[in-house]
Amino acid sequence: MNPLTFPRPTWQLFTASLLVALFLSGCATSGGWTDPSGARERREAARGDLLTPTLTSVNNRIYSYERKLEEWKTVEQKLAGGMSLPRDNADRMKECQLQLQDILKGYHNLRNRLLQADSDSGLLPAGNLLLQLNQQDVDYLEGGCGRLLAELEATPAAPLV
């Protein structure tokens, strides 16, 4: 008997059963395509291999800049005790603190983006932000703020009267 010559009710039942089976198999895999070669798992593992050291580096920079910010606050407290500072040093100190806060905020944003990126395309903007932050990082380190901080920390505090 030719399968195309089934009686009409049998053919409709077969077609309906096939559609139900396809629908249920789609539900069982959450509507996603199952990759038998495991390429997706390998890609996600490789992404994790890249993401972990990047997050570690970002966390290290956050820790470092939070410590620098605390050092600036300590110097500010020392200056509030009555020590006078030349106007240009006071202005430079404020610029350094603002620059430091911007970099720290940027690293916090980068960490959040990296943690929320759910695909390789989500990592591209984070990569661009990382390049910007690296440049700001270098500008801060080479801009003399560290030297000014060291000078201010080395200056003895004014005696309390």
Protein backbone atom coordinates (compact mmCIF):
# COMPACT_ATOMS: atom_id res chain seq x y z
CA MET A 1 0.00 0.00 0.00
CA ASN A 2 1.36 3.38 -1.00
CA PRO A 3 1.75 5.76 2.02
CA LEU A 4 0.40 8.65 -0.01
CA THR A 5 -2.82 6.78 -0.62
CA PHE A 6 -3.75 6.39 3.06
CA PRO A 7 -7.36 7.10 3.76
CA ARG A 8 -7.88 10.72 4.63
CA PRO A 9 -8.60 10.28 8.41
CA THR A 10 -5.43 8.18 8.86
CA TRP A 11 -3.31 10.77 7.04
CA GLN A 12 -4.76 13.60 9.16
CA LEU A 13 -4.12 11.63 12.34
CA PHE A 14 -0.52 10.94 11.25
CA THR A 15 0.05 14.61 10.40
CA ALA A 16 -1.46 15.81 13.68
CA SER A 17 0.67 13.32 15.64
CA LEU A 18 3.78 14.48 13.83
CA LEU A 19 3.01 18.15 14.60
CA VAL A 20 2.37 17.36 18.28
CA ALA A 21 5.64 15.42 18.46
CA LEU A 22 7.57 18.29 16.87
CA PHE A 23 5.91 20.79 19.18
CA LEU A 24 6.69 18.73 22.27
CA SER A 25 10.29 18.17 21.24
CA GLY A 26 10.63 21.93 20.80
CA CYS A 27 9.27 22.46 24.30
CA ALA A 28 11.61 19.88 25.74
CA THR A 29 14.65 21.78 24.45
CA SER A 30 13.22 25.17 25.44
CA GLY A 31 12.78 26.02 21.79
CA GLY A 32 16.53 26.19 21.30
CA TRP A 33 18.56 24.23 18.88
CA THR A 34 20.68 21.53 20.47
CA ASP A 35 24.23 21.57 19.17
CA PRO A 36 25.38 17.95 19.00
CA SER A 37 29.03 18.91 18.57
CA GLY A 38 29.12 20.93 21.81
CA ALA A 39 30.44 24.08 20.11
CA ARG A 40 28.33 26.32 22.31
CA GLU A 41 29.70 24.78 25.49
CA ARG A 42 33.27 25.13 24.20
CA ARG A 43 32.61 28.76 23.24
CA GLU A 44 31.17 29.54 26.68
CA ALA A 45 34.11 27.80 28.38
CA ALA A 46 36.55 29.85 26.29
CA ARG A 47 34.61 33.01 27.18
CA GLY A 48 34.94 32.10 30.85
CA ASP A 49 38.67 31.50 30.37
CA LEU A 50 38.97 35.06 29.05
CA LEU A 51 36.50 36.63 31.45
CA THR A 52 38.03 35.34 34.69
CA PRO A 53 41.47 36.97 34.28
CA THR A 54 39.85 40.16 33.02
CA LEU A 55 37.57 40.34 36.06
CA THR A 56 40.53 39.61 38.32
CA SER A 57 42.48 42.46 36.75
CA VAL A 58 39.52 44.84 37.02
CA ASN A 59 38.97 43.89 40.67
CA ASN A 60 42.67 44.49 41.37
CA ARG A 61 42.45 47.96 39.82
CA ILE A 62 39.32 48.74 41.86
CA TYR A 63 41.09 47.67 45.05
CA SER A 64 44.17 49.70 44.15
CA TYR A 65 42.18 52.85 43.38
CA GLU A 66 40.04 52.50 46.50
CA ARG A 67 43.26 52.43 48.53
CA LYS A 68 44.58 55.50 46.70
CA LEU A 69 41.31 57.28 47.42
CA GLU A 70 41.72 56.45 51.12
CA GLU A 71 45.28 57.85 50.98
CA TRP A 72 43.94 61.10 49.51
CA LYS A 73 41.31 61.27 52.27
CA THR A 74 44.04 60.81 54.89
CA VAL A 75 46.03 63.67 53.36
CA GLU A 76 42.88 65.82 53.30
CA GLN A 77 42.31 65.16 56.99
CA LYS A 78 45.92 66.04 57.71
CA LEU A 79 45.51 69.30 55.78
CA ALA A 80 42.28 70.08 57.61
CA GLY A 81 44.29 70.08 60.82
CA GLY A 82 45.68 73.51 59.99
CA MET A 83 48.42 72.83 57.43
CA SER A 84 48.31 75.32 54.59
CA LEU A 85 48.85 74.27 51.01
CA PRO A 86 49.87 76.47 48.08
CA ARG A 87 46.86 77.21 45.83
CA ASP A 88 48.28 75.36 42.81
CA ASN A 89 48.88 72.22 44.91
CA ALA A 90 45.38 72.46 46.38
CA ASP A 91 43.89 72.72 42.87
CA ARG A 92 46.04 69.87 41.61
CA MET A 93 45.00 67.75 44.59
CA LYS A 94 41.31 68.24 43.76
CA GLU A 95 41.96 67.41 40.09
CA CYS A 96 43.76 64.22 41.09
CA GLN A 97 40.94 63.17 43.40
CA LEU A 98 38.31 63.80 40.71
CA GLN A 99 40.37 61.92 38.13
CA LEU A 100 40.76 59.05 40.57
CA GLN A 101 37.01 58.95 41.31
CA ASP A 102 36.20 58.90 37.57
CA ILE A 103 38.57 56.00 36.97
CA LEU A 104 37.22 54.09 39.96
CA LYS A 105 33.64 54.65 38.78
CA GLY A 106 34.64 53.44 35.31
CA TYR A 107 36.17 50.25 36.69
CA HIS A 108 33.02 49.58 38.73
CA ASN A 109 30.90 50.06 35.58
CA LEU A 110 33.21 47.79 33.61
CA ARG A 111 32.97 45.05 36.21
CA ASN A 112 29.17 45.26 36.13
CA ARG A 113 29.14 45.09 32.33
CA LEU A 114 31.43 42.07 32.30
CA LEU A 115 29.28 40.28 34.85
CA GLN A 116 26.09 41.05 32.91
CA ALA A 117 27.39 40.30 29.42
CA ASP A 118 25.62 37.17 28.28
CA SER A 119 27.22 36.85 24.86
CA ASP A 120 30.38 37.64 22.97
CA SER A 121 28.66 40.66 21.39
CA GLY A 122 28.00 42.01 24.89
CA LEU A 123 31.72 41.86 25.65
CA LEU A 124 32.70 44.15 22.77
CA PRO A 125 31.51 47.40 24.45
CA ALA A 126 33.14 46.22 27.68
CA GLY A 127 36.40 45.70 25.78
CA ASN A 128 36.23 49.23 24.44
CA LEU A 129 35.60 50.56 27.94
CA LEU A 130 38.58 48.56 29.22
CA LEU A 131 40.83 50.22 26.62
CA GLN A 132 39.57 53.68 27.65
CA LEU A 133 40.12 52.92 31.33
CA ASN A 134 43.61 51.60 30.68
CA GLN A 135 44.45 54.91 29.01
CA GLN A 136 42.95 56.90 31.90
CA ASP A 137 44.85 54.66 34.29
CA VAL A 138 48.16 55.40 32.55
CA ASP A 139 47.36 59.12 32.38
CA TYR A 140 46.71 59.17 36.12
CA LEU A 141 49.85 57.24 36.98
CA GLU A 142 52.07 59.31 34.69
CA GLY A 143 50.36 62.63 35.40
CA GLY A 144 52.13 63.43 38.64
CA CYS A 145 49.24 62.69 41.01
CA GLY A 146 51.18 59.88 42.66
CA ARG A 147 54.16 62.16 43.15
CA LEU A 148 51.97 64.90 44.65
CA LEU A 149 50.34 62.39 46.98
CA ALA A 150 53.72 61.11 48.13
CA GLU A 151 54.93 64.68 48.79
CA LEU A 152 51.82 65.54 50.77
CA GLU A 153 52.01 62.32 52.78
CA ALA A 154 55.66 63.04 53.61
CA THR A 155 54.87 66.57 54.82
CA PRO A 156 54.63 66.61 58.61
CA ALA A 157 51.24 67.48 60.05
CA ALA A 158 50.81 70.89 61.62
CA PRO A 159 51.07 70.79 65.39
CA LEU A 160 47.78 71.04 67.25
CA VAL A 161 47.58 74.10 69.45
